[in-house]
C-alpha atoms as a PDB file:
ATOM      1  CA  MET A   1     -18.134  16.635 -17.996  1.00  0.00           C
ATOM      2  CA  ALA A   2     -15.472  13.928 -17.694  1.00  0.00           C
ATOM      3  CA  MET A   3     -13.408  13.262 -14.601  1.00  0.00           C
ATOM      4  CA  VAL A   4      -9.991  14.910 -14.812  1.00  0.00           C
ATOM      5  CA  LEU A   5      -6.812  13.581 -13.194  1.00  0.00           C
ATOM      6  CA  GLY A   6      -4.503  16.470 -12.416  1.00  0.00           C
ATOM      7  CA  LYS A   7      -1.206  17.516 -10.870  1.00  0.00           C
ATOM      8  CA  PRO A   8      -1.709  20.901  -9.224  1.00  0.00           C
ATOM      9  CA  GLY A   9       1.811  22.263  -9.427  1.00  0.00           C
ATOM     10  CA  VAL A  10       3.233  24.519  -6.729  1.00  0.00           C
ATOM     11  CA  ASP A  11       0.749  27.286  -7.536  1.00  0.00           C
ATOM     12  CA  GLY A  12      -2.160  24.889  -7.038  1.00  0.00           C
ATOM     13  CA  LEU A  13      -1.144  23.578  -3.624  1.00  0.00           C
ATOM     14  CA  GLY A  14      -3.074  26.318  -1.833  1.00  0.00           C
ATOM     15  CA  GLU A  15      -6.340  25.096  -3.351  1.00  0.00           C
ATOM     16  CA  VAL A  16      -5.521  21.501  -2.391  1.00  0.00           C
ATOM     17  CA  VAL A  17      -4.744  22.453   1.206  1.00  0.00           C
ATOM     18  CA  GLY A  18      -7.998  24.430   1.262  1.00  0.00           C
ATOM     19  CA  VAL A  19     -10.200  21.536   0.171  1.00  0.00           C
ATOM     20  CA  LEU A  20      -8.482  19.174   2.585  1.00  0.00           C
ATOM     21  CA  ARG A  21      -9.310  21.597   5.406  1.00  0.00           C
ATOM     22  CA  GLU A  22     -12.957  21.722   4.314  1.00  0.00           C
ATOM     23  CA  TRP A  23     -13.239  17.929   4.270  1.00  0.00           C
ATOM     24  CA  GLN A  24     -12.173  17.488   7.912  1.00  0.00           C
ATOM     25  CA  TYR A  25     -15.026  17.078  10.386  1.00  0.00           C
ATOM     26  CA  ASP A  26     -15.613  15.263  13.653  1.00  0.00           C
ATOM     27  CA  GLY A  27     -16.863  11.771  13.001  1.00  0.00           C
ATOM     28  CA  ALA A  28     -15.186  11.563   9.593  1.00  0.00           C
ATOM     29  CA  PRO A  29     -13.312   8.365   8.775  1.00  0.00           C
ATOM     30  CA  MET A  30      -9.541   8.643   9.163  1.00  0.00           C
ATOM     31  CA  GLN A  31      -8.351  10.389   6.033  1.00  0.00           C
ATOM     32  CA  LEU A  32      -5.645  12.497   4.470  1.00  0.00           C
ATOM     33  CA  HIS A  33      -5.298  15.722   6.474  1.00  0.00           C
ATOM     34  CA  PRO A  34      -3.718  19.048   5.473  1.00  0.00           C
ATOM     35  CA  GLY A  35      -1.098  18.219   8.097  1.00  0.00           C
ATOM     36  CA  ASP A  36      -0.035  15.188   6.071  1.00  0.00           C
ATOM     37  CA  LEU A  37       0.829  17.543   3.229  1.00  0.00           C
ATOM     38  CA  GLY A  38       2.460  19.847   5.779  1.00  0.00           C
ATOM     39  CA  TRP A  39       4.768  17.122   7.065  1.00  0.00           C
ATOM     40  CA  PHE A  40       5.609  16.033   3.494  1.00  0.00           C
ATOM     41  CA  TRP A  41       6.484  19.680   2.743  1.00  0.00           C
ATOM     42  CA  ARG A  42       9.820  19.168   4.526  1.00  0.00           C
ATOM     43  CA  PHE A  43      11.039  17.932   1.130  1.00  0.00           C
ATOM     44  CA  GLY A  44      10.056  21.244  -0.464  1.00  0.00           C
ATOM     45  CA  ALA A  45       7.095  22.752  -2.265  1.00  0.00           C
ATOM     46  CA  GLN A  46       8.142  21.345  -5.642  1.00  0.00           C
ATOM     47  CA  ALA A  47       8.479  17.791  -4.286  1.00  0.00           C
ATOM     48  CA  THR A  48       5.107  18.123  -2.582  1.00  0.00           C
ATOM     49  CA  ALA A  49       3.461  19.302  -5.784  1.00  0.00           C
ATOM     50  CA  GLU A  50       5.027  16.393  -7.679  1.00  0.00           C
ATOM     51  CA  ALA A  51       3.531  13.969  -5.133  1.00  0.00           C
ATOM     52  CA  VAL A  52      -0.023  15.350  -5.202  1.00  0.00           C
ATOM     53  CA  ARG A  53      -2.782  14.169  -7.534  1.00  0.00           C
ATOM     54  CA  THR A  54      -6.307  15.556  -7.818  1.00  0.00           C
ATOM     55  CA  TRP A  55      -9.475  14.212  -9.405  1.00  0.00           C
ATOM     56  CA  SER A  56     -11.966  16.871 -10.514  1.00  0.00           C
ATOM     57  CA  ARG A  57     -15.323  17.098 -12.265  1.00  0.00           C
ATOM     58  CA  ASP A  58     -16.855  20.322 -13.535  1.00  0.00           C
ATOM     59  CA  GLY A  59     -13.943  22.215 -12.008  1.00  0.00           C
ATOM     60  CA  ARG A  60     -14.527  20.857  -8.500  1.00  0.00           C
ATOM     61  CA  ILE A  61     -11.898  18.710  -6.758  1.00  0.00           C
ATOM     62  CA  LEU A  62     -13.531  15.468  -5.597  1.00  0.00           C
ATOM     63  CA  ALA A  63     -10.452  13.511  -4.478  1.00  0.00           C
ATOM     64  CA  VAL A  64      -6.884  14.266  -3.443  1.00  0.00           C
ATOM     65  CA  GLY A  65      -4.007  11.805  -3.346  1.00  0.00           C
ATOM     66  CA  LEU A  66      -0.510  12.058  -1.890  1.00  0.00           C
ATOM     67  CA  LEU A  67       2.140   9.709  -3.269  1.00  0.00           C
ATOM     68  CA  ASP A  68       4.155   8.701  -0.213  1.00  0.00           C
ATOM     69  CA  GLY A  69       7.023   6.998  -1.999  1.00  0.00           C
ATOM     70  CA  HIS A  70       6.651   5.121  -5.277  1.00  0.00           C
ATOM     71  CA  ASP A  71       4.224   2.491  -3.987  1.00  0.00           C
ATOM     72  CA  LEU A  72       1.725   4.160  -1.618  1.00  0.00           C
ATOM     73  CA  LEU A  73      -1.113   6.487  -2.590  1.00  0.00           C
ATOM     74  CA  ARG A  74      -2.732   8.187   0.394  1.00  0.00           C
ATOM     75  CA  LEU A  75      -6.138   9.104  -0.930  1.00  0.00           C
ATOM     76  CA  THR A  76      -9.099  11.025   0.433  1.00  0.00           C
ATOM     77  CA  ILE A  77     -12.428  11.892  -1.100  1.00  0.00           C
ATOM     78  CA  ALA A  78     -14.949  14.717  -0.675  1.00  0.00           C
ATOM     79  CA  PRO A  79     -17.475  13.756   2.031  1.00  0.00           C
ATOM     80  CA  ASP A  80     -20.384  13.716  -0.440  1.00  0.00           C
ATOM     81  CA  ALA A  81     -18.467  11.638  -3.000  1.00  0.00           C
ATOM     82  CA  HIS A  82     -17.467   8.522  -1.017  1.00  0.00           C
ATOM     83  CA  ARG A  83     -19.998   6.434  -2.971  1.00  0.00           C
ATOM     84  CA  ASP A  84     -19.715   8.293  -6.293  1.00  0.00           C
ATOM     85  CA  GLU A  85     -19.419   5.434  -8.778  1.00  0.00           C
ATOM     86  CA  GLU A  86     -17.963   7.439 -11.653  1.00  0.00           C
ATOM     87  CA  LEU A  87     -15.255   8.807  -9.382  1.00  0.00           C
ATOM     88  CA  ALA A  88     -14.507   5.431  -7.792  1.00  0.00           C
ATOM     89  CA  ARG A  89     -14.136   3.694 -11.155  1.00  0.00           C
ATOM     90  CA  GLN A  90     -11.890   6.452 -12.433  1.00  0.00           C
ATOM     91  CA  LEU A  91      -9.729   6.168  -9.306  1.00  0.00           C
ATOM     92  CA  VAL A  92      -9.406   2.413  -9.770  1.00  0.00           C
ATOM     93  CA  ASP A  93      -8.417   2.812 -13.422  1.00  0.00           C
ATOM     94  CA  ASP A  94      -5.835   5.453 -12.562  1.00  0.00           C
ATOM     95  CA  VAL A  95      -4.165   3.505  -9.734  1.00  0.00           C
ATOM     96  CA  THR A  96      -4.204   0.244 -11.705  1.00  0.00           C
ATOM     97  CA  GLU A  97      -2.634   1.440 -14.957  1.00  0.00           C
ATOM     98  CA  PRO A  98       1.002   2.592 -14.482  1.00  0.00           C
ATOM     99  CA  GLU A  99       0.915   4.788 -17.593  1.00  0.00           C
ATOM    100  CA  ARG A 100      -1.530   7.088 -15.780  1.00  0.00           C
ATOM    101  CA  GLY A 101       1.392   8.325 -13.673  1.00  0.00           C
ATOM    102  CA  VAL A 102      -0.071   7.527 -10.262  1.00  0.00           C
ATOM    103  CA  LEU A 103       1.385   4.214  -9.051  1.00  0.00           C
ATOM    104  CA  GLU A 104       4.234   2.266 -10.611  1.00  0.00           C
ATOM    105  CA  GLU A 105       4.122  -1.412 -11.511  1.00  0.00           C
ATOM    106  CA  GLY A 106       4.720  -3.829  -8.683  1.00  0.00           C
ATOM    107  CA  THR A 107       3.380  -4.157  -5.178  1.00  0.00           C
ATOM    108  CA  ALA A 108       1.351  -1.063  -4.376  1.00  0.00           C
ATOM    109  CA  TYR A 109      -0.871   0.301  -1.634  1.00  0.00           C
ATOM    110  CA  VAL A 110      -3.884   2.594  -1.549  1.00  0.00           C
ATOM    111  CA  GLU A 111      -5.048   4.271   1.637  1.00  0.00           C
ATOM    112  CA  ALA A 112      -8.638   5.517   1.375  1.00  0.00           C
ATOM    113  CA  PRO A 113     -11.406   6.488   3.815  1.00  0.00           C
ATOM    114  CA  ARG A 114     -13.294   3.641   5.443  1.00  0.00           C
ATOM    115  CA  GLY A 115     -16.571   2.987   3.622  1.00  0.00           C
ATOM    116  CA  ALA A 116     -15.534   4.575   0.333  1.00  0.00           C
ATOM    117  CA  LEU A 117     -16.660   2.679  -2.766  1.00  0.00           C
ATOM    118  CA  ILE A 118     -13.091   2.404  -4.053  1.00  0.00           C
ATOM    119  CA  HIS A 119     -12.387  -0.273  -1.416  1.00  0.00           C
ATOM    120  CA  GLU A 120     -15.030  -2.566  -2.888  1.00  0.00           C
ATOM    121  CA  LEU A 121     -13.940  -1.964  -6.467  1.00  0.00           C
ATOM    122  CA  LEU A 122     -10.275  -2.589  -5.669  1.00  0.00           C
ATOM    123  CA  PHE A 123     -11.263  -5.825  -3.899  1.00  0.00           C
ATOM    124  CA  GLU A 124     -13.155  -6.911  -7.025  1.00  0.00           C
ATOM    125  CA  ASP A 125     -10.012  -6.086  -9.023  1.00  0.00           C
ATOM    126  CA  GLY A 126      -7.891  -8.412  -6.880  1.00  0.00           C
ATOM    127  CA  TRP A 127      -6.472  -6.015  -4.291  1.00  0.00           C
ATOM    128  CA  ASN A 128      -6.118  -7.482  -0.798  1.00  0.00           C
ATOM    129  CA  THR A 129      -6.065  -5.777   2.595  1.00  0.00           C
ATOM    130  CA  ASP A 130      -2.823  -4.850   4.334  1.00  0.00           C
ATOM    131  CA  GLU A 131      -1.882  -4.728   8.018  1.00  0.00           C
ATOM    132  CA  PRO A 132      -4.286  -2.914  10.360  1.00  0.00           C
ATOM    133  CA  TRP A 133      -3.795   0.635  11.622  1.00  0.00           C
ATOM    134  CA  THR A 134      -5.453   2.102  14.704  1.00  0.00           C
ATOM    135  CA  PRO A 135      -6.916   5.619  14.518  1.00  0.00           C
ATOM    136  CA  LEU A 136      -7.318   7.426  17.847  1.00  0.00           C
ATOM    137  CA  ARG A 137      -9.191  10.589  18.782  1.00  0.00           C
ATOM    138  CA  ARG A 138      -9.336  12.932  21.753  1.00  0.00           C
ATOM    139  CA  ASP A 139     -12.207  15.371  22.184  1.00  0.00           C
ATOM    140  CA  LEU A 140     -11.022  18.906  22.945  1.00  0.00           C
ATOM    141  CA  THR A 141     -14.256  20.379  24.286  1.00  0.00           C
ATOM    142  CA  GLU A 142     -12.875  20.469  27.836  1.00  0.00           C
ATOM    143  CA  PRO A 143      -9.526  21.950  28.932  1.00  0.00           C
ATOM    144  CA  VAL A 144      -6.528  19.612  28.736  1.00  0.00           C
ATOM    145  CA  GLN A 145      -4.593  18.672  31.881  1.00  0.00           C
ATOM    146  CA  ASP A 146      -1.040  19.841  32.522  1.00  0.00           C
ATOM    147  CA  PRO A 147       1.474  17.485  30.888  1.00  0.00           C
ATOM    148  CA  GLY A 148       3.652  17.414  33.995  1.00  0.00           C
ATOM    149  CA  VAL A 149       6.905  18.242  32.212  1.00  0.00           C
ATOM    150  CA  ARG A 150       8.359  21.344  30.582  1.00  0.00           C
ATOM    151  CA  VAL A 151       7.201  21.639  26.991  1.00  0.00           C
ATOM    152  CA  GLU A 152       8.328  24.392  24.622  1.00  0.00           C
ATOM    153  CA  VAL A 153       7.012  25.553  21.270  1.00  0.00           C
ATOM    154  CA  ILE A 154       9.903  25.357  18.825  1.00  0.00           C
ATOM    155  CA  GLY A 155      10.748  28.317  16.619  1.00  0.00           C
ATOM    156  CA  PRO A 156      13.446  28.765  13.967  1.00  0.00           C
ATOM    157  CA  ALA A 157      16.223  29.218  16.546  1.00  0.00           C
ATOM    158  CA  GLN A 158      15.465  25.787  18.082  1.00  0.00           C
ATOM    159  CA  ALA A 159      14.972  23.894  14.831  1.00  0.00           C
ATOM    160  CA  HIS A 160      18.112  21.861  15.505  1.00  0.00           C
ATOM    161  CA  VAL A 161      16.601  20.599  18.775  1.00  0.00           C
ATOM    162  CA  ARG A 162      13.395  19.439  17.075  1.00  0.00           C
ATOM    163  CA  ALA A 163      15.347  17.773  14.284  1.00  0.00           C
ATOM    164  CA  ALA A 164      17.709  15.988  16.680  1.00  0.00           C
ATOM    165  CA  VAL A 165      14.850  14.500  18.694  1.00  0.00           C
ATOM    166  CA  GLN A 166      13.182  13.323  15.483  1.00  0.00           C
ATOM    167  CA  ARG A 167      16.334  11.513  14.353  1.00  0.00           C
ATOM    168  CA  ALA A 168      16.778   9.995  17.821  1.00  0.00           C
ATOM    169  CA  SER A 169      13.179   8.765  17.800  1.00  0.00           C
ATOM    170  CA  PHE A 170      13.000   7.116  14.368  1.00  0.00           C
ATOM    171  CA  ASP A 171      15.818   4.899  13.144  1.00  0.00           C
ATOM    172  CA  ARG A 172      15.497   5.861   9.470  1.00  0.00           C
ATOM    173  CA  SER A 173      14.667   9.530   9.934  1.00  0.00           C
ATOM    174  CA  THR A 174      16.318  11.979   7.538  1.00  0.00           C
ATOM    175  CA  PHE A 175      14.941  15.070   9.278  1.00  0.00           C
ATOM    176  CA  THR A 176      17.382  17.979   9.493  1.00  0.00           C
ATOM    177  CA  ASP A 177      17.391  21.634  10.545  1.00  0.00           C
ATOM    178  CA  GLU A 178      17.113  22.596   6.880  1.00  0.00           C
ATOM    179  CA  ARG A 179      14.082  20.384   6.387  1.00  0.00           C
ATOM    180  CA  TRP A 180      12.426  21.909   9.453  1.00  0.00           C
ATOM    181  CA  HIS A 181      12.833  25.370   7.953  1.00  0.00           C
ATOM    182  CA  THR A 182      11.482  24.148   4.611  1.00  0.00           C
ATOM    183  CA  MET A 183       8.473  22.587   6.333  1.00  0.00           C
ATOM    184  CA  ALA A 184       7.854  25.694   8.431  1.00  0.00           C
ATOM    185  CA  ALA A 185       7.784  27.832   5.276  1.00  0.00           C
ATOM    186  CA  GLY A 186       4.987  25.699   3.810  1.00  0.00           C
ATOM    187  CA  LEU A 187       1.351  26.768   3.645  1.00  0.00           C
ATOM    188  CA  PRO A 188      -0.026  24.234   6.183  1.00  0.00           C
ATOM    189  CA  TYR A 189       2.504  25.242   8.856  1.00  0.00           C
ATOM    190  CA  ALA A 190       0.733  28.569   9.381  1.00  0.00           C
ATOM    191  CA  ASP A 191      -1.633  26.580  11.604  1.00  0.00           C
ATOM    192  CA  ALA A 192       0.921  24.165  13.061  1.00  0.00           C
ATOM    193  CA  ARG A 193       3.232  23.944  16.058  1.00  0.00           C
ATOM    194  CA  CYS A 194       6.310  21.884  16.909  1.00  0.00           C
ATOM    195  CA  LEU A 195       6.617  20.994  20.591  1.00  0.00           C
ATOM    196  CA  VAL A 196       9.577  19.543  22.478  1.00  0.00           C
ATOM    197  CA  ALA A 197       9.404  18.075  25.990  1.00  0.00           C
ATOM    198  CA  TYR A 198      12.341  18.283  28.403  1.00  0.00           C
ATOM    199  CA  ASP A 199      13.294  16.242  31.452  1.00  0.00           C
ATOM    200  CA  ASP A 200      14.411  17.647  34.810  1.00  0.00           C
ATOM    201  CA  GLN A 201      18.014  17.853  33.585  1.00  0.00           C
ATOM    202  CA  GLY A 202      17.047  19.934  30.564  1.00  0.00           C
ATOM    203  CA  ASN A 203      17.429  17.130  28.011  1.00  0.00           C
ATOM    204  CA  ALA A 204      15.112  17.210  25.017  1.00  0.00           C
ATOM    205  CA  VAL A 205      13.319  13.877  25.386  1.00  0.00           C
ATOM    206  CA  ALA A 206      10.251  13.884  23.099  1.00  0.00           C
ATOM    207  CA  ALA A 207       8.762  15.897  20.264  1.00  0.00           C
ATOM    208  CA  VAL A 208       5.570  16.244  18.273  1.00  0.00           C
ATOM    209  CA  THR A 209       4.209  18.362  15.450  1.00  0.00           C
ATOM    210  CA  VAL A 210       0.522  19.304  15.480  1.00  0.00           C
ATOM    211  CA  TRP A 211      -1.497  20.552  12.533  1.00  0.00           C
ATOM    212  CA  SER A 212      -4.749  22.479  12.741  1.00  0.00           C
ATOM    213  CA  ALA A 213      -7.294  22.284   9.921  1.00  0.00           C
ATOM    214  CA  GLY A 214      -8.980  25.424  11.210  1.00  0.00           C
ATOM    215  CA  PRO A 215     -11.335  26.263  14.083  1.00  0.00           C
ATOM    216  CA  GLY A 216     -13.951  23.642  14.851  1.00  0.00           C
ATOM    217  CA  ARG A 217     -12.202  20.911  12.857  1.00  0.00           C
ATOM    218  CA  PRO A 218     -10.022  17.951  13.903  1.00  0.00           C
ATOM    219  CA  GLY A 219      -6.297  18.623  14.271  1.00  0.00           C
ATOM    220  CA  LEU A 220      -3.603  16.052  13.535  1.00  0.00           C
ATOM    221  CA  LEU A 221      -0.523  14.808  15.407  1.00  0.00           C
ATOM    222  CA  GLU A 222       2.146  13.951  12.808  1.00  0.00           C
ATOM    223  CA  PRO A 223       4.675  12.857  13.904  1.00  0.00           C
ATOM    224  CA  MET A 224       5.269  12.144  17.619  1.00  0.00           C
ATOM    225  CA  GLY A 225       8.437  10.508  18.859  1.00  0.00           C
ATOM    226  CA  VAL A 226      10.383   9.821  22.050  1.00  0.00           C
ATOM    227  CA  HIS A 227      14.185   9.912  22.137  1.00  0.00           C
ATOM    228  CA  ARG A 228      15.432   6.318  22.253  1.00  0.00           C
ATOM    229  CA  ALA A 229      17.621   7.110  25.281  1.00  0.00           C
ATOM    230  CA  HIS A 230      14.675   8.413  27.316  1.00  0.00           C
ATOM    231  CA  ARG A 231      11.905   5.899  26.767  1.00  0.00           C
ATOM    232  CA  GLY A 232       9.871   4.295  29.513  1.00  0.00           C
ATOM    233  CA  HIS A 233       9.444   7.441  31.617  1.00  0.00           C
ATOM    234  CA  GLY A 234       6.097   8.698  30.346  1.00  0.00           C
ATOM    235  CA  TYR A 235       7.490  11.414  28.103  1.00  0.00           C
ATOM    236  CA  GLY A 236       5.487  10.206  25.123  1.00  0.00           C
ATOM    237  CA  THR A 237       2.267  10.559  27.074  1.00  0.00           C
ATOM    238  CA  ALA A 238       3.335  13.977  28.372  1.00  0.00           C
ATOM    239  CA  VAL A 239       4.153  15.424  24.960  1.00  0.00           C
ATOM    240  CA  THR A 240       0.944  13.943  23.523  1.00  0.00           C
ATOM    241  CA  VAL A 241      -1.086  15.681  26.233  1.00  0.00           C
ATOM    242  CA  ALA A 242       0.758  18.907  25.396  1.00  0.00           C
ATOM    243  CA  ALA A 243      -0.077  18.336  21.714  1.00  0.00           C
ATOM    244  CA  ALA A 244      -3.775  18.074  22.533  1.00  0.00           C
ATOM    245  CA  ALA A 245      -3.562  21.318  24.534  1.00  0.00           C
ATOM    246  CA  ALA A 246      -1.802  23.085  21.652  1.00  0.00           C
ATOM    247  CA  LEU A 247      -4.478  21.997  19.191  1.00  0.00           C
ATOM    248  CA  ARG A 248      -7.191  23.194  21.546  1.00  0.00           C
ATOM    249  CA  GLU A 249      -5.479  26.590  21.686  1.00  0.00           C
ATOM    250  CA  LEU A 250      -5.488  26.617  17.877  1.00  0.00           C
ATOM    251  CA  GLY A 251      -9.254  26.064  17.924  1.00  0.00           C
ATOM    252  CA  SER A 252      -9.336  22.386  16.965  1.00  0.00           C
ATOM    253  CA  SER A 253     -12.446  20.454  17.983  1.00  0.00           C
ATOM    254  CA  SER A 254     -10.522  17.223  18.482  1.00  0.00           C
ATOM    255  CA  ALA A 255      -7.072  15.710  18.108  1.00  0.00           C
ATOM    256  CA  ILE A 256      -6.536  12.709  15.853  1.00  0.00           C
ATOM    257  CA  VAL A 257      -3.640  10.364  15.163  1.00  0.00           C
ATOM    258  CA  CYS A 258      -3.154   7.006  13.441  1.00  0.00           C
ATOM    259  CA  THR A 259      -0.516   4.363  14.158  1.00  0.00           C
ATOM    260  CA  PRO A 260       0.097   0.748  13.097  1.00  0.00           C
ATOM    261  CA  SER A 261      -1.889  -1.574  15.355  1.00  0.00           C
ATOM    262  CA  SER A 262       1.271  -3.658  15.728  1.00  0.00           C
ATOM    263  CA  ASN A 263       2.920  -0.697  17.495  1.00  0.00           C
ATOM    264  CA  VAL A 264       1.282  -1.526  20.809  1.00  0.00           C
ATOM    265  CA  GLY A 265       3.523   0.915  22.669  1.00  0.00           C
ATOM    266  CA  ALA A 266       2.305   3.842  20.595  1.00  0.00           C
ATOM    267  CA  VAL A 267      -1.337   2.815  20.966  1.00  0.00           C
ATOM    268  CA  ALA A 268      -0.837   2.592  24.751  1.00  0.00           C
ATOM    269  CA  THR A 269       0.837   6.015  24.820  1.00  0.00           C
ATOM    270  CA  TYR A 270      -2.037   7.688  23.003  1.00  0.00           C
ATOM    271  CA  THR A 271      -4.695   6.015  25.126  1.00  0.00           C
ATOM    272  CA  SER A 272      -2.873   7.039  28.296  1.00  0.00           C
ATOM    273  CA  ALA A 273      -2.985  10.616  26.988  1.00  0.00           C
ATOM    274  CA  GLY A 274      -6.773  10.499  26.781  1.00  0.00           C
ATOM    275  CA  PHE A 275      -7.236   9.345  23.194  1.00  0.00           C
ATOM    276  CA  GLN A 276      -9.987   6.861  22.357  1.00  0.00           C
ATOM    277  CA  ARG A 277      -9.352   4.009  19.961  1.00  0.00           C
ATOM    278  CA  LEU A 278     -11.501   3.960  16.825  1.00  0.00           C
ATOM    279  CA  PRO A 279     -12.189   0.954  14.550  1.00  0.00           C
ATOM    280  CA  GLU A 280      -9.089  -0.295  12.762  1.00  0.00           C
ATOM    281  CA  VAL A 281      -8.449   0.642   9.145  1.00  0.00           C
ATOM    282  CA  ARG A 282      -6.499  -1.167   6.452  1.00  0.00           C
ATOM    283  CA  ASP A 283      -4.865  -0.081   3.227  1.00  0.00           C
ATOM    284  CA  ARG A 284      -5.585  -1.929   0.003  1.00  0.00           C
ATOM    285  CA  ARG A 285      -2.573  -3.864  -1.295  1.00  0.00           C
ATOM    286  CA  ARG A 286      -1.852  -5.113  -4.800  1.00  0.00           C
ATOM    287  CA  ASP A 287       0.395  -8.159  -4.947  1.00  0.00           C
ATOM    288  CA  GLY A 288       1.693 -10.039  -7.909  1.00  0.00           C
ATOM    289  CA  TRP A 289       4.446  -8.118  -9.621  1.00  0.00           C
ATOM    290  CA  ALA A 290       6.401  -7.540  -6.378  1.00  0.00           C
ATOM    291  CA  VAL A 291       9.241  -5.467  -7.771  1.00  0.00           C
ATOM    292  CA  HIS A 292       8.920  -2.639  -5.236  1.00  0.00           C
ATOM    293  CA  PRO A 293       8.213  -4.258  -1.844  1.00  0.00           C
ATOM    294  CA  ARG A 294       7.223  -1.665   0.756  1.00  0.00           C
ATOM    295  CA  SER A 295       9.774  -1.273   3.530  1.00  0.00           C
END
């Protein structure tokens, strides 16, 4: 049976989240996580469905992609299909031809698991490598130390606090109270927590959202930020430690995160919170028609 490129629609998002959970395991290459869909869900279920693509054969989903903007496809593949040639060639055809409705013309990027055959085929097709990212992992077998600051789990009544710290941590953030509520109503958030750290004066100084993929599977930090007025005091490390503890309470086997290697401050924060650096990963980048440069 032929490979089928699909858009799941809102009703199909549950199946997509389910397969993404199943594909997470310790030792897996850094890949799309159900928490990535959960964070995207702040734009609504319909927008999330519009951004998701699936590749199936014989009724089984073998790959899932999330369109993060018009020029980036965040792609992951079933663990037993990383070297599936039919799938890889179909993926390359679909991301290369704009009429397939995956990526537009112009500069484009594909994120895919390290070692997947699609990397080699895209290279043969003229795609280069982009800037390096650093994945990091913390094992959660043992109890996590106290973060050393007050950290609270954020519920609906404190959504404005979480949103304010997000906007104060990222210059281009559009996160709002309304988007927090939309995200929290999404399927992946059933196994997620938002945490906010406070200083001795009661100021909200850092925040993180953690996403479980289920007991015994890696959990994701996405995103973590420190309020720009409170940097340099260790709050990023503290809230990251609290994130690891929260994931352990949710049953996660490990905590994972990925950040641009150029963001040396973030890498240092995660390592100081007990995360181990893993080999760098790079997206594939198509140059040439540069009409949509990535910002």
